[in-house]
Amino acid sequence: MEPLVHPEVTGDFTEGSEIVCRLNGRPSIRLRVTSVQPGSAISFEALEGPFAAPGATTSIQLAGAADGRTAVSLRHDTPPIPEEDLAACNTYWGVLLGELRVYCQTQSPATLL
């Protein structure tokens, strides 16, 4: 199944680096990678962007299950988000998790946000 959206991402996923994400030509979101455990975890902090509350943090951890599936643990801490921005936030989270699913299934870093 082909994804409905194709995010544009610049930067690399190394600790301390900045990543810029743009979805369908919308204003970009800047993130700073705060920690990386290759193949198993990444954490980042929002720096700026629409509905990206500066200082918000996100951590994603992957763990293999005995049956071959992958468990995904996601933690997102943010200041309150205005209600009018919630739909856009939820859309970006859906895209992020969809790309993470593709990465887990293909092991191809080229598909990871």
PDB file of N, CA and C in Angstrom:
ATOM      1  N   MET A   1       0.836  -1.172   0.000  1.00  0.00           N
ATOM      2  CA  MET A   1       0.000   0.000   0.000  1.00  0.00           C
ATOM      3  C   MET A   1       0.888   1.245   0.000  1.00  0.00           C
ATOM      4  N   GLU A   2       0.649   2.150  -0.906  1.00  0.00           N
ATOM      5  CA  GLU A   2       1.418   3.380  -1.048  1.00  0.00           C
ATOM      6  C   GLU A   2       0.916   4.431  -0.061  1.00  0.00           C
ATOM      7  N   PRO A   3       1.832   5.094   0.695  1.00  0.00           N
ATOM      8  CA  PRO A   3       1.403   6.150   1.616  1.00  0.00           C
ATOM      9  C   PRO A   3       0.715   7.286   0.870  1.00  0.00           C
ATOM     10  N   LEU A   4      -0.235   7.962   1.527  1.00  0.00           N
ATOM     11  CA  LEU A   4      -0.949   9.078   0.920  1.00  0.00           C
ATOM     12  C   LEU A   4      -0.113  10.342   0.874  1.00  0.00           C
ATOM     13  N   VAL A   5       0.830  10.472   1.769  1.00  0.00           N
ATOM     14  CA  VAL A   5       1.685  11.657   1.821  1.00  0.00           C
ATOM     15  C   VAL A   5       3.138  11.231   1.837  1.00  0.00           C
ATOM     16  N   HIS A   6       3.982  12.094   1.323  1.00  0.00           N
ATOM     17  CA  HIS A   6       5.421  11.822   1.304  1.00  0.00           C
ATOM     18  C   HIS A   6       6.134  12.995   1.965  1.00  0.00           C
ATOM     19  N   PRO A   7       6.520  12.857   3.217  1.00  0.00           N
ATOM     20  CA  PRO A   7       7.203  13.957   3.889  1.00  0.00           C
ATOM     21  C   PRO A   7       8.604  14.172   3.320  1.00  0.00           C
ATOM     22  N   GLU A   8       9.017  15.423   3.311  1.00  0.00           N
ATOM     23  CA  GLU A   8      10.381  15.782   2.920  1.00  0.00           C
ATOM     24  C   GLU A   8      11.161  16.011   4.210  1.00  0.00           C
ATOM     25  N   VAL A   9      12.266  15.322   4.371  1.00  0.00           N
ATOM     26  CA  VAL A   9      13.061  15.430   5.595  1.00  0.00           C
ATOM     27  C   VAL A   9      14.504  15.734   5.222  1.00  0.00           C
ATOM     28  N   THR A  10      15.075  16.742   5.881  1.00  0.00           N
ATOM     29  CA  THR A  10      16.490  17.035   5.702  1.00  0.00           C
ATOM     30  C   THR A  10      17.170  16.952   7.059  1.00  0.00           C
ATOM     31  N   GLY A  11      18.449  16.652   7.039  1.00  0.00           N
ATOM     32  CA  GLY A  11      19.213  16.486   8.263  1.00  0.00           C
ATOM     33  C   GLY A  11      19.540  15.027   8.467  1.00  0.00           C
ATOM     34  N   ASP A  12      20.262  14.738   9.529  1.00  0.00           N
ATOM     35  CA  ASP A  12      20.567  13.339   9.811  1.00  0.00           C
ATOM     36  C   ASP A  12      20.150  13.014  11.241  1.00  0.00           C
ATOM     37  N   PHE A  13      20.087  11.767  11.535  1.00  0.00           N
ATOM     38  CA  PHE A  13      19.561  11.297  12.812  1.00  0.00           C
ATOM     39  C   PHE A  13      20.688  10.964  13.782  1.00  0.00           C
ATOM     40  N   THR A  14      21.588  11.937  13.976  1.00  0.00           N
ATOM     41  CA  THR A  14      22.666  11.758  14.943  1.00  0.00           C
ATOM     42  C   THR A  14      22.420  12.698  16.118  1.00  0.00           C
ATOM     43  N   GLU A  15      22.892  12.303  17.281  1.00  0.00           N
ATOM     44  CA  GLU A  15      22.660  13.090  18.487  1.00  0.00           C
ATOM     45  C   GLU A  15      23.178  14.517  18.320  1.00  0.00           C
ATOM     46  N   GLY A  16      22.326  15.484  18.665  1.00  0.00           N
ATOM     47  CA  GLY A  16      22.674  16.891  18.571  1.00  0.00           C
ATOM     48  C   GLY A  16      22.343  17.528  17.229  1.00  0.00           C
ATOM     49  N   SER A  17      22.021  16.727  16.213  1.00  0.00           N
ATOM     50  CA  SER A  17      21.737  17.286  14.895  1.00  0.00           C
ATOM     51  C   SER A  17      20.310  17.820  14.832  1.00  0.00           C
ATOM     52  N   GLU A  18      20.062  18.673  13.826  1.00  0.00           N
ATOM     53  CA  GLU A  18      18.727  19.196  13.596  1.00  0.00           C
ATOM     54  C   GLU A  18      18.124  18.526  12.377  1.00  0.00           C
ATOM     55  N   ILE A  19      16.834  18.268  12.465  1.00  0.00           N
ATOM     56  CA  ILE A  19      16.069  17.674  11.379  1.00  0.00           C
ATOM     57  C   ILE A  19      14.972  18.663  11.014  1.00  0.00           C
ATOM     58  N   VAL A  20      14.734  18.843   9.730  1.00  0.00           N
ATOM     59  CA  VAL A  20      13.649  19.697   9.262  1.00  0.00           C
ATOM     60  C   VAL A  20      12.675  18.814   8.496  1.00  0.00           C
ATOM     61  N   CYS A  21      11.411  18.827   8.913  1.00  0.00           N
ATOM     62  CA  CYS A  21      10.363  18.014   8.291  1.00  0.00           C
ATOM     63  C   CYS A  21       9.347  18.934   7.622  1.00  0.00           C
ATOM     64  N   ARG A  22       8.975  18.594   6.400  1.00  0.00           N
ATOM     65  CA  ARG A  22       7.958  19.358   5.673  1.00  0.00           C
ATOM     66  C   ARG A  22       6.998  18.355   5.052  1.00  0.00           C
ATOM     67  N   LEU A  23       5.720  18.583   5.234  1.00  0.00           N
ATOM     68  CA  LEU A  23       4.691  17.677   4.736  1.00  0.00           C
ATOM     69  C   LEU A  23       3.840  18.394   3.708  1.00  0.00           C
ATOM     70  N   ASN A  24       3.840  17.892   2.483  1.00  0.00           N
ATOM     71  CA  ASN A  24       3.022  18.446   1.404  1.00  0.00           C
ATOM     72  C   ASN A  24       3.162  19.959   1.251  1.00  0.00           C
ATOM     73  N   GLY A  25       4.398  20.464   1.370  1.00  0.00           N
ATOM     74  CA  GLY A  25       4.647  21.876   1.148  1.00  0.00           C
ATOM     75  C   GLY A  25       4.217  22.794   2.282  1.00  0.00           C
ATOM     76  N   ARG A  26       3.755  22.263   3.381  1.00  0.00           N
ATOM     77  CA  ARG A  26       3.355  23.093   4.513  1.00  0.00           C
ATOM     78  C   ARG A  26       4.593  23.631   5.221  1.00  0.00           C
ATOM     79  N   PRO A  27       4.407  24.609   6.109  1.00  0.00           N
ATOM     80  CA  PRO A  27       5.571  25.130   6.850  1.00  0.00           C
ATOM     81  C   PRO A  27       6.312  24.005   7.568  1.00  0.00           C
ATOM     82  N   SER A  28       7.616  24.159   7.654  1.00  0.00           N
ATOM     83  CA  SER A  28       8.445  23.090   8.206  1.00  0.00           C
ATOM     84  C   SER A  28       8.416  23.065   9.727  1.00  0.00           C
ATOM     85  N   ILE A  29       8.816  21.913  10.265  1.00  0.00           N
ATOM     86  CA  ILE A  29       8.998  21.721  11.698  1.00  0.00           C
ATOM     87  C   ILE A  29      10.464  21.383  11.910  1.00  0.00           C
ATOM     88  N   ARG A  30      11.119  22.099  12.834  1.00  0.00           N
ATOM     89  CA  ARG A  30      12.520  21.827  13.165  1.00  0.00           C
ATOM     90  C   ARG A  30      12.582  21.048  14.466  1.00  0.00           C
ATOM     91  N   LEU A  31      13.386  19.994  14.463  1.00  0.00           N
ATOM     92  CA  LEU A  31      13.583  19.147  15.643  1.00  0.00           C
ATOM     93  C   LEU A  31      15.068  19.002  15.919  1.00  0.00           C
ATOM     94  N   ARG A  32      15.435  18.828  17.187  1.00  0.00           N
ATOM     95  CA  ARG A  32      16.820  18.512  17.553  1.00  0.00           C
ATOM     96  C   ARG A  32      16.833  17.106  18.120  1.00  0.00           C
ATOM     97  N   VAL A  33      17.689  16.257  17.569  1.00  0.00           N
ATOM     98  CA  VAL A  33      17.839  14.894  18.080  1.00  0.00           C
ATOM     99  C   VAL A  33      18.595  14.982  19.398  1.00  0.00           C
ATOM    100  N   THR A  34      17.996  14.456  20.473  1.00  0.00           N
ATOM    101  CA  THR A  34      18.630  14.544  21.788  1.00  0.00           C
ATOM    102  C   THR A  34      19.325  13.253  22.193  1.00  0.00           C
ATOM    103  N   SER A  35      18.903  12.120  21.643  1.00  0.00           N
ATOM    104  CA  SER A  35      19.617  10.862  21.880  1.00  0.00           C
ATOM    105  C   SER A  35      19.235   9.849  20.810  1.00  0.00           C
ATOM    106  N   VAL A  36      20.176   8.944  20.528  1.00  0.00           N
ATOM    107  CA  VAL A  36      19.960   7.900  19.520  1.00  0.00           C
ATOM    108  C   VAL A  36      20.577   6.602  20.007  1.00  0.00           C
ATOM    109  N   GLN A  37      19.837   5.524  19.871  1.00  0.00           N
ATOM    110  CA  GLN A  37      20.356   4.171  20.053  1.00  0.00           C
ATOM    111  C   GLN A  37      20.024   3.461  18.737  1.00  0.00           C
ATOM    112  N   PRO A  38      20.986   3.409  17.803  1.00  0.00           N
ATOM    113  CA  PRO A  38      20.705   2.893  16.458  1.00  0.00           C
ATOM    114  C   PRO A  38      19.920   1.575  16.482  1.00  0.00           C
ATOM    115  N   GLY A  39      18.838   1.581  15.708  1.00  0.00           N
ATOM    116  CA  GLY A  39      18.007   0.392  15.585  1.00  0.00           C
ATOM    117  C   GLY A  39      17.023   0.180  16.712  1.00  0.00           C
ATOM    118  N   SER A  40      17.084   1.011  17.784  1.00  0.00           N
ATOM    119  CA  SER A  40      16.166   0.732  18.885  1.00  0.00           C
ATOM    120  C   SER A  40      15.509   1.954  19.519  1.00  0.00           C
ATOM    121  N   ALA A  41      16.086   3.155  19.421  1.00  0.00           N
ATOM    122  CA  ALA A  41      15.462   4.293  20.093  1.00  0.00           C
ATOM    123  C   ALA A  41      15.969   5.619  19.537  1.00  0.00           C
ATOM    124  N   ILE A  42      15.100   6.625  19.595  1.00  0.00           N
ATOM    125  CA  ILE A  42      15.465   7.996  19.250  1.00  0.00           C
ATOM    126  C   ILE A  42      14.607   8.932  20.095  1.00  0.00           C
ATOM    127  N   SER A  43      15.198  10.056  20.490  1.00  0.00           N
ATOM    128  CA  SER A  43      14.472  11.098  21.213  1.00  0.00           C
ATOM    129  C   SER A  43      14.800  12.425  20.556  1.00  0.00           C
ATOM    130  N   PHE A  44      13.804  13.313  20.519  1.00  0.00           N
ATOM    131  CA  PHE A  44      14.046  14.626  19.956  1.00  0.00           C
ATOM    132  C   PHE A  44      13.199  15.677  20.646  1.00  0.00           C
ATOM    133  N   GLU A  45      13.597  16.939  20.435  1.00  0.00           N
ATOM    134  CA  GLU A  45      12.928  18.089  21.012  1.00  0.00           C
ATOM    135  C   GLU A  45      12.457  19.001  19.887  1.00  0.00           C
ATOM    136  N   ALA A  46      11.237  19.512  19.988  1.00  0.00           N
ATOM    137  CA  ALA A  46      10.719  20.462  19.004  1.00  0.00           C
ATOM    138  C   ALA A  46      11.397  21.811  19.205  1.00  0.00           C
ATOM    139  N   LEU A  47      11.873  22.408  18.102  1.00  0.00           N
ATOM    140  CA  LEU A  47      12.492  23.722  18.166  1.00  0.00           C
ATOM    141  C   LEU A  47      11.555  24.804  17.662  1.00  0.00           C
ATOM    142  N   GLU A  48      10.892  24.543  16.522  1.00  0.00           N
ATOM    143  CA  GLU A  48       9.932  25.508  15.990  1.00  0.00           C
ATOM    144  C   GLU A  48       9.106  24.859  14.897  1.00  0.00           C
ATOM    145  N   GLY A  49       7.988  25.489  14.610  1.00  0.00           N
ATOM    146  CA  GLY A  49       7.117  25.021  13.553  1.00  0.00           C
ATOM    147  C   GLY A  49       5.671  25.192  13.956  1.00  0.00           C
ATOM    148  N   PRO A  50       4.787  25.093  12.966  1.00  0.00           N
ATOM    149  CA  PRO A  50       3.363  25.234  13.284  1.00  0.00           C
ATOM    150  C   PRO A  50       2.931  24.125  14.230  1.00  0.00           C
ATOM    151  N   PHE A  51       2.201  24.488  15.237  1.00  0.00           N
ATOM    152  CA  PHE A  51       1.685  23.570  16.262  1.00  0.00           C
ATOM    153  C   PHE A  51       2.746  22.674  16.882  1.00  0.00           C
ATOM    154  N   ALA A  52       4.024  23.001  16.693  1.00  0.00           N
ATOM    155  CA  ALA A  52       5.105  22.263  17.353  1.00  0.00           C
ATOM    156  C   ALA A  52       5.555  23.112  18.523  1.00  0.00           C
ATOM    157  N   ALA A  53       5.060  22.813  19.691  1.00  0.00           N
ATOM    158  CA  ALA A  53       5.366  23.614  20.865  1.00  0.00           C
ATOM    159  C   ALA A  53       6.857  23.520  21.178  1.00  0.00           C
ATOM    160  N   PRO A  54       7.595  24.644  21.095  1.00  0.00           N
ATOM    161  CA  PRO A  54       9.015  24.596  21.434  1.00  0.00           C
ATOM    162  C   PRO A  54       9.217  23.993  22.818  1.00  0.00           C
ATOM    163  N   GLY A  55      10.165  23.079  22.904  1.00  0.00           N
ATOM    164  CA  GLY A  55      10.428  22.400  24.168  1.00  0.00           C
ATOM    165  C   GLY A  55       9.699  21.083  24.324  1.00  0.00           C
ATOM    166  N   ALA A  56       8.733  20.804  23.452  1.00  0.00           N
ATOM    167  CA  ALA A  56       8.050  19.509  23.511  1.00  0.00           C
ATOM    168  C   ALA A  56       9.066  18.412  23.195  1.00  0.00           C
ATOM    169  N   THR A  57       8.981  17.299  23.884  1.00  0.00           N
ATOM    170  CA  THR A  57       9.914  16.197  23.662  1.00  0.00           C
ATOM    171  C   THR A  57       9.173  14.934  23.259  1.00  0.00           C
ATOM    172  N   THR A  58       9.844  14.128  22.451  1.00  0.00           N
ATOM    173  CA  THR A  58       9.286  12.864  21.980  1.00  0.00           C
ATOM    174  C   THR A  58      10.363  11.801  22.041  1.00  0.00           C
ATOM    175  N   SER A  59      10.005  10.624  22.517  1.00  0.00           N
ATOM    176  CA  SER A  59      10.907   9.470  22.533  1.00  0.00           C
ATOM    177  C   SER A  59      10.196   8.293  21.900  1.00  0.00           C
ATOM    178  N   ILE A  60      10.914   7.564  21.046  1.00  0.00           N
ATOM    179  CA  ILE A  60      10.386   6.362  20.401  1.00  0.00           C
ATOM    180  C   ILE A  60      11.364   5.231  20.675  1.00  0.00           C
ATOM    181  N   GLN A  61      10.859   4.118  21.194  1.00  0.00           N
ATOM    182  CA  GLN A  61      11.686   2.943  21.445  1.00  0.00           C
ATOM    183  C   GLN A  61      11.075   1.746  20.735  1.00  0.00           C
ATOM    184  N   LEU A  62      11.937   0.917  20.153  1.00  0.00           N
ATOM    185  CA  LEU A  62      11.530  -0.302  19.475  1.00  0.00           C
ATOM    186  C   LEU A  62      12.066  -1.501  20.236  1.00  0.00           C
ATOM    187  N   ALA A  63      11.268  -2.553  20.320  1.00  0.00           N
ATOM    188  CA  ALA A  63      11.717  -3.781  20.975  1.00  0.00           C
ATOM    189  C   ALA A  63      11.123  -4.973  20.236  1.00  0.00           C
ATOM    190  N   GLY A  64      11.945  -5.985  20.003  1.00  0.00           N
ATOM    191  CA  GLY A  64      11.481  -7.194  19.342  1.00  0.00           C
ATOM    192  C   GLY A  64      10.681  -8.064  20.304  1.00  0.00           C
ATOM    193  N   ALA A  65       9.618  -8.654  19.800  1.00  0.00           N
ATOM    194  CA  ALA A  65       8.809  -9.584  20.585  1.00  0.00           C
ATOM    195  C   ALA A  65       9.176 -11.013  20.179  1.00  0.00           C
ATOM    196  N   ALA A  66       8.879 -11.967  21.034  1.00  0.00           N
ATOM    197  CA  ALA A  66       9.233 -13.368  20.784  1.00  0.00           C
ATOM    198  C   ALA A  66       8.595 -13.905  19.509  1.00  0.00           C
ATOM    199  N   ASP A  67       7.441 -13.356  19.126  1.00  0.00           N
ATOM    200  CA  ASP A  67       6.743 -13.853  17.928  1.00  0.00           C
ATOM    201  C   ASP A  67       7.202 -13.161  16.651  1.00  0.00           C
ATOM    202  N   GLY A  68       8.261 -12.344  16.744  1.00  0.00           N
ATOM    203  CA  GLY A  68       8.811 -11.702  15.557  1.00  0.00           C
ATOM    204  C   GLY A  68       8.256 -10.311  15.293  1.00  0.00           C
ATOM    205  N   ARG A  69       7.237  -9.893  16.006  1.00  0.00           N
ATOM    206  CA  ARG A  69       6.692  -8.553  15.813  1.00  0.00           C
ATOM    207  C   ARG A  69       7.574  -7.530  16.546  1.00  0.00           C
ATOM    208  N   THR A  70       7.316  -6.262  16.285  1.00  0.00           N
ATOM    209  CA  THR A  70       8.053  -5.193  16.943  1.00  0.00           C
ATOM    210  C   THR A  70       7.099  -4.376  17.792  1.00  0.00           C
ATOM    211  N   ALA A  71       7.476  -4.169  19.047  1.00  0.00           N
ATOM    212  CA  ALA A  71       6.697  -3.306  19.935  1.00  0.00           C
ATOM    213  C   ALA A  71       7.253  -1.891  19.829  1.00  0.00           C
ATOM    214  N   VAL A  72       6.358  -0.911  19.726  1.00  0.00           N
ATOM    215  CA  VAL A  72       6.743   0.486  19.627  1.00  0.00           C
ATOM    216  C   VAL A  72       6.228   1.213  20.865  1.00  0.00           C
ATOM    217  N   SER A  73       7.140   1.871  21.562  1.00  0.00           N
ATOM    218  CA  SER A  73       6.783   2.672  22.723  1.00  0.00           C
ATOM    219  C   SER A  73       7.036   4.125  22.372  1.00  0.00           C
ATOM    220  N   LEU A  74       6.020   4.974  22.516  1.00  0.00           N
ATOM    221  CA  LEU A  74       6.133   6.371  22.160  1.00  0.00           C
ATOM    222  C   LEU A  74       5.740   7.217  23.365  1.00  0.00           C
ATOM    223  N   ARG A  75       6.553   8.197  23.676  1.00  0.00           N
ATOM    224  CA  ARG A  75       6.231   9.130  24.753  1.00  0.00           C
ATOM    225  C   ARG A  75       6.367  10.540  24.186  1.00  0.00           C
ATOM    226  N   HIS A  76       5.336  11.347  24.408  1.00  0.00           N
ATOM    227  CA  HIS A  76       5.325  12.724  23.917  1.00  0.00           C
ATOM    228  C   HIS A  76       4.907  13.632  25.061  1.00  0.00           C
ATOM    229  N   ASP A  77       5.764  14.549  25.438  1.00  0.00           N
ATOM    230  CA  ASP A  77       5.471  15.514  26.493  1.00  0.00           C
ATOM    231  C   ASP A  77       5.472  16.901  25.883  1.00  0.00           C
ATOM    232  N   THR A  78       4.383  17.632  26.087  1.00  0.00           N
ATOM    233  CA  THR A  78       4.261  18.942  25.463  1.00  0.00           C
ATOM    234  C   THR A  78       3.461  19.890  26.342  1.00  0.00           C
ATOM    235  N   PRO A  79       3.731  21.176  26.168  1.00  0.00           N
ATOM    236  CA  PRO A  79       2.845  22.155  26.788  1.00  0.00           C
ATOM    237  C   PRO A  79       1.458  22.019  26.138  1.00  0.00           C
ATOM    238  N   PRO A  80       0.425  22.588  26.721  1.00  0.00           N
ATOM    239  CA  PRO A  80      -0.917  22.496  26.116  1.00  0.00           C
ATOM    240  C   PRO A  80      -0.920  22.987  24.663  1.00  0.00           C
ATOM    241  N   ILE A  81      -1.690  22.306  23.822  1.00  0.00           N
ATOM    242  CA  ILE A  81      -1.801  22.644  22.405  1.00  0.00           C
ATOM    243  C   ILE A  81      -3.176  23.261  22.175  1.00  0.00           C
ATOM    244  N   PRO A  82      -3.245  24.414  21.472  1.00  0.00           N
ATOM    245  CA  PRO A  82      -4.558  25.002  21.184  1.00  0.00           C
ATOM    246  C   PRO A  82      -5.433  24.014  20.414  1.00  0.00           C
ATOM    247  N   GLU A  83      -6.707  23.991  20.734  1.00  0.00           N
ATOM    248  CA  GLU A  83      -7.628  23.024  20.134  1.00  0.00           C
ATOM    249  C   GLU A  83      -7.632  23.094  18.610  1.00  0.00           C
ATOM    250  N   GLU A  84      -7.486  24.296  18.039  1.00  0.00           N
ATOM    251  CA  GLU A  84      -7.512  24.429  16.575  1.00  0.00           C
ATOM    252  C   GLU A  84      -6.308  23.757  15.909  1.00  0.00           C
ATOM    253  N   ASP A  85      -5.267  23.434  16.672  1.00  0.00           N
ATOM    254  CA  ASP A  85      -4.081  22.778  16.114  1.00  0.00           C
ATOM    255  C   ASP A  85      -4.083  21.261  16.299  1.00  0.00           C
ATOM    256  N   LEU A  86      -5.041  20.725  17.030  1.00  0.00           N
ATOM    257  CA  LEU A  86      -5.025  19.293  17.333  1.00  0.00           C
ATOM    258  C   LEU A  86      -5.140  18.409  16.092  1.00  0.00           C
ATOM    259  N   ALA A  87      -5.982  18.764  15.138  1.00  0.00           N
ATOM    260  CA  ALA A  87      -6.139  17.932  13.935  1.00  0.00           C
ATOM    261  C   ALA A  87      -4.823  17.830  13.171  1.00  0.00           C
ATOM    262  N   ALA A  88      -4.120  18.947  13.009  1.00  0.00           N
ATOM    263  CA  ALA A  88      -2.841  18.929  12.300  1.00  0.00           C
ATOM    264  C   ALA A  88      -1.817  18.108  13.075  1.00  0.00           C
ATOM    265  N   CYS A  89      -1.798  18.251  14.409  1.00  0.00           N
ATOM    266  CA  CYS A  89      -0.864  17.453  15.223  1.00  0.00           C
ATOM    267  C   CYS A  89      -1.126  15.967  15.042  1.00  0.00           C
ATOM    268  N   ASN A  90      -2.382  15.590  15.090  1.00  0.00           N
ATOM    269  CA  ASN A  90      -2.723  14.180  14.946  1.00  0.00           C
ATOM    270  C   ASN A  90      -2.344  13.655  13.568  1.00  0.00           C
ATOM    271  N   THR A  91      -2.469  14.484  12.537  1.00  0.00           N
ATOM    272  CA  THR A  91      -2.078  14.069  11.184  1.00  0.00           C
ATOM    273  C   THR A  91      -0.575  13.804  11.134  1.00  0.00           C
ATOM    274  N   TYR A  92       0.231  14.701  11.675  1.00  0.00           N
ATOM    275  CA  TYR A  92       1.675  14.502  11.667  1.00  0.00           C
ATOM    276  C   TYR A  92       2.063  13.240  12.433  1.00  0.00           C
ATOM    277  N   TRP A  93       1.405  12.984  13.575  1.00  0.00           N
ATOM    278  CA  TRP A  93       1.716  11.761  14.331  1.00  0.00           C
ATOM    279  C   TRP A  93       1.365  10.526  13.506  1.00  0.00           C
ATOM    280  N   GLY A  94       0.262  10.570  12.786  1.00  0.00           N
ATOM    281  CA  GLY A  94      -0.100   9.441  11.933  1.00  0.00           C
ATOM    282  C   GLY A  94       0.944   9.185  10.867  1.00  0.00           C
ATOM    283  N   VAL A  95       1.430  10.251  10.239  1.00  0.00           N
ATOM    284  CA  VAL A  95       2.478  10.121   9.216  1.00  0.00           C
ATOM    285  C   VAL A  95       3.744   9.540   9.836  1.00  0.00           C
ATOM    286  N   LEU A  96       4.147  10.072  10.975  1.00  0.00           N
ATOM    287  CA  LEU A  96       5.358   9.594  11.643  1.00  0.00           C
ATOM    288  C   LEU A  96       5.263   8.107  11.967  1.00  0.00           C
ATOM    289  N   LEU A  97       4.148   7.684  12.537  1.00  0.00           N
ATOM    290  CA  LEU A  97       4.001   6.272  12.891  1.00  0.00           C
ATOM    291  C   LEU A  97       3.898   5.385  11.652  1.00  0.00           C
ATOM    292  N   GLY A  98       3.291   5.883  10.580  1.00  0.00           N
ATOM    293  CA  GLY A  98       3.240   5.127   9.332  1.00  0.00           C
ATOM    294  C   GLY A  98       4.629   4.917   8.751  1.00  0.00           C
ATOM    295  N   GLU A  99       5.457   5.968   8.761  1.00  0.00           N
ATOM    296  CA  GLU A  99       6.822   5.842   8.276  1.00  0.00           C
ATOM    297  C   GLU A  99       7.643   4.907   9.163  1.00  0.00           C
ATOM    298  N   LEU A 100       7.408   4.966  10.464  1.00  0.00           N
ATOM    299  CA  LEU A 100       8.100   4.062  11.379  1.00  0.00           C
ATOM    300  C   LEU A 100       7.718   2.610  11.090  1.00  0.00           C
ATOM    301  N   ARG A 101       6.453   2.363  10.796  1.00  0.00           N
ATOM    302  CA  ARG A 101       6.002   1.008  10.444  1.00  0.00           C
ATOM    303  C   ARG A 101       6.741   0.516   9.196  1.00  0.00           C
ATOM    304  N   VAL A 102       6.840   1.366   8.183  1.00  0.00           N
ATOM    305  CA  VAL A 102       7.545   0.988   6.954  1.00  0.00           C
ATOM    306  C   VAL A 102       9.008   0.664   7.259  1.00  0.00           C
ATOM    307  N   TYR A 103       9.644   1.497   8.087  1.00  0.00           N
ATOM    308  CA  TYR A 103      11.036   1.244   8.455  1.00  0.00           C
ATOM    309  C   TYR A 103      11.176  -0.108   9.158  1.00  0.00           C
ATOM    310  N   CYS A 104      10.275  -0.383  10.078  1.00  0.00           N
ATOM    311  CA  CYS A 104      10.338  -1.657  10.806  1.00  0.00           C
ATOM    312  C   CYS A 104      10.147  -2.857   9.879  1.00  0.00           C
ATOM    313  N   GLN A 105       9.306  -2.684   8.867  1.00  0.00           N
ATOM    314  CA  GLN A 105       9.033  -3.788   7.960  1.00  0.00           C
ATOM    315  C   GLN A 105      10.132  -3.980   6.921  1.00  0.00           C
ATOM    316  N   THR A 106      10.820  -2.902   6.532  1.00  0.00           N
ATOM    317  CA  THR A 106      11.803  -2.991   5.460  1.00  0.00           C
ATOM    318  C   THR A 106      13.244  -2.891   5.928  1.00  0.00           C
ATOM    319  N   GLN A 107      13.447  -2.381   7.168  1.00  0.00           N
ATOM    320  CA  GLN A 107      14.786  -2.139   7.701  1.00  0.00           C
ATOM    321  C   GLN A 107      15.540  -1.125   6.843  1.00  0.00           C
ATOM    322  N   SER A 108      14.839  -0.317   6.097  1.00  0.00           N
ATOM    323  CA  SER A 108      15.463   0.655   5.214  1.00  0.00           C
ATOM    324  C   SER A 108      15.431   2.045   5.833  1.00  0.00           C
ATOM    325  N   PRO A 109      16.585   2.610   6.243  1.00  0.00           N
ATOM    326  CA  PRO A 109      16.586   3.925   6.854  1.00  0.00           C
ATOM    327  C   PRO A 109      16.135   5.028   5.898  1.00  0.00           C
ATOM    328  N   ALA A 110      16.132   4.787   4.610  1.00  0.00           N
ATOM    329  CA  ALA A 110      15.716   5.795   3.655  1.00  0.00           C
ATOM    330  C   ALA A 110      14.241   6.146   3.814  1.00  0.00           C
ATOM    331  N   THR A 111      13.449   5.286   4.433  1.00  0.00           N
ATOM    332  CA  THR A 111      12.023   5.559   4.584  1.00  0.00           C
ATOM    333  C   THR A 111      11.678   6.166   5.922  1.00  0.00           C
ATOM    334  N   LEU A 112      12.638   6.253   6.825  1.00  0.00           N
ATOM    335  CA  LEU A 112      12.353   6.742   8.177  1.00  0.00           C
ATOM    336  C   LEU A 112      12.365   8.254   8.223  1.00  0.00           C
ATOM    337  N   LEU A 113      11.338   8.848   8.870  1.00  0.00           N
ATOM    338  CA  LEU A 113      11.318  10.301   9.087  1.00  0.00           C
ATOM    339  C   LEU A 113      12.460  10.689   9.969  1.00  0.00           C
TER     340      LEU A 113
END
